[in-house]
């Protein structure tokens, strides 16, 4: 997997979080999606994105060379 896909996953989670915050502030519920549900889903997706980014950075050979200098 390329690093850009991990960044895309993180950004999708960020957008879901922003949508959930807007729902929470305005007290609107869109179908089954309330502010709490969107914030939870967005946070989980962001966490997965961060874990993928960290994994990609730590498994990169150039990063290992940088740490050995």
C-alpha atoms as a PDB file:
ATOM      1  CA  UNK A   1       0.000   0.000   0.000  1.00  0.00           C
ATOM      2  CA  UNK A   2       1.244   3.457  -0.826  1.00  0.00           C
ATOM      3  CA  UNK A   3       1.487   6.148   1.803  1.00  0.00           C
ATOM      4  CA  UNK A   4      -0.946   8.374  -0.072  1.00  0.00           C
ATOM      5  CA  UNK A   5      -3.762   5.896   0.571  1.00  0.00           C
ATOM      6  CA  UNK A   6      -3.099   6.026   4.313  1.00  0.00           C
ATOM      7  CA  UNK A   7      -3.256   9.820   4.122  1.00  0.00           C
ATOM      8  CA  UNK A   8      -6.535   9.580   2.187  1.00  0.00           C
ATOM      9  CA  UNK A   9      -7.978   7.330   4.909  1.00  0.00           C
ATOM     10  CA  UNK A  10      -6.915   9.831   7.569  1.00  0.00           C
ATOM     11  CA  UNK A  11      -8.455  12.730   5.622  1.00  0.00           C
ATOM     12  CA  UNK A  12     -11.741  10.855   5.143  1.00  0.00           C
ATOM     13  CA  UNK A  13     -11.863  10.313   8.909  1.00  0.00           C
ATOM     14  CA  UNK A  14     -11.139  14.002   9.420  1.00  0.00           C
ATOM     15  CA  UNK A  15     -14.018  15.001   7.139  1.00  0.00           C
ATOM     16  CA  UNK A  16     -16.402  12.621   8.914  1.00  0.00           C
ATOM     17  CA  UNK A  17     -15.292  14.164  12.218  1.00  0.00           C
ATOM     18  CA  UNK A  18     -16.002  17.662  10.896  1.00  0.00           C
ATOM     19  CA  UNK A  19     -19.442  16.555   9.704  1.00  0.00           C
ATOM     20  CA  UNK A  20     -20.135  14.953  13.092  1.00  0.00           C
ATOM     21  CA  UNK A  21     -19.069  18.130  14.914  1.00  0.00           C
ATOM     22  CA  UNK A  22     -21.389  20.161  12.704  1.00  0.00           C
ATOM     23  CA  UNK A  23     -24.252  17.738  13.425  1.00  0.00           C
ATOM     24  CA  UNK A  24     -23.502  17.940  17.142  1.00  0.00           C
ATOM     25  CA  UNK A  25     -23.381  21.752  17.188  1.00  0.00           C
ATOM     26  CA  UNK A  26     -26.617  22.147  15.218  1.00  0.00           C
ATOM     27  CA  UNK A  27     -28.409  19.219  16.961  1.00  0.00           C
ATOM     28  CA  UNK A  28     -29.363  17.725  13.591  1.00  0.00           C
ATOM     29  CA  UNK A  29     -29.696  14.024  12.894  1.00  0.00           C
ATOM     30  CA  UNK A  30     -29.415  12.816   9.293  1.00  0.00           C
ATOM     31  CA  UNK A  31     -31.112   9.441   9.164  1.00  0.00           C
ATOM     32  CA  UNK A  32     -29.245   7.046  11.456  1.00  0.00           C
ATOM     33  CA  UNK A  33     -26.265   9.409  11.665  1.00  0.00           C
ATOM     34  CA  UNK A  34     -26.190  11.622  14.713  1.00  0.00           C
ATOM     35  CA  UNK A  35     -23.268  13.734  15.829  1.00  0.00           C
ATOM     36  CA  UNK A  36     -22.050  11.100  18.277  1.00  0.00           C
ATOM     37  CA  UNK A  37     -22.073   8.305  15.688  1.00  0.00           C
ATOM     38  CA  UNK A  38     -20.195  10.390  13.122  1.00  0.00           C
ATOM     39  CA  UNK A  39     -17.606  11.499  15.678  1.00  0.00           C
ATOM     40  CA  UNK A  40     -17.029   7.897  16.748  1.00  0.00           C
ATOM     41  CA  UNK A  41     -16.749   6.560  13.195  1.00  0.00           C
ATOM     42  CA  UNK A  42     -14.512   9.450  12.153  1.00  0.00           C
ATOM     43  CA  UNK A  43     -12.208   8.936  15.122  1.00  0.00           C
ATOM     44  CA  UNK A  44     -11.873   5.220  14.394  1.00  0.00           C
ATOM     45  CA  UNK A  45     -11.085   5.889  10.724  1.00  0.00           C
ATOM     46  CA  UNK A  46      -8.536   8.556  11.698  1.00  0.00           C
ATOM     47  CA  UNK A  47      -6.897   6.118  14.113  1.00  0.00           C
ATOM     48  CA  UNK A  48      -6.597   3.493  11.387  1.00  0.00           C
ATOM     49  CA  UNK A  49      -5.099   6.099   9.055  1.00  0.00           C
ATOM     50  CA  UNK A  50      -2.528   7.179  11.669  1.00  0.00           C
ATOM     51  CA  UNK A  51      -1.568   3.553  12.375  1.00  0.00           C
ATOM     52  CA  UNK A  52      -1.098   2.920   8.648  1.00  0.00           C
ATOM     53  CA  UNK A  53       1.028   6.060   8.257  1.00  0.00           C
ATOM     54  CA  UNK A  54       3.223   5.090  11.227  1.00  0.00           C
ATOM     55  CA  UNK A  55       3.595   1.546   9.866  1.00  0.00           C
ATOM     56  CA  UNK A  56       4.543   2.878   6.441  1.00  0.00           C
ATOM     57  CA  UNK A  57       7.123   5.270   7.893  1.00  0.00           C
ATOM     58  CA  UNK A  58       8.691   2.650  10.151  1.00  0.00           C
ATOM     59  CA  UNK A  59       8.961   0.036   7.393  1.00  0.00           C
ATOM     60  CA  UNK A  60      10.555   2.439   4.915  1.00  0.00           C
ATOM     61  CA  UNK A  61      14.238   1.648   4.272  1.00  0.00           C
ATOM     62  CA  UNK A  62      15.248   5.314   4.037  1.00  0.00           C
ATOM     63  CA  UNK A  63      13.798   5.912   7.496  1.00  0.00           C
ATOM     64  CA  UNK A  64      15.941   3.125   8.907  1.00  0.00           C
ATOM     65  CA  UNK A  65      19.035   4.628   7.265  1.00  0.00           C
ATOM     66  CA  UNK A  66      18.158   8.008   8.746  1.00  0.00           C
ATOM     67  CA  UNK A  67      17.910   6.546  12.254  1.00  0.00           C
ATOM     68  CA  UNK A  68      21.306   4.836  11.894  1.00  0.00           C
ATOM     69  CA  UNK A  69      23.146   8.071  11.016  1.00  0.00           C
END
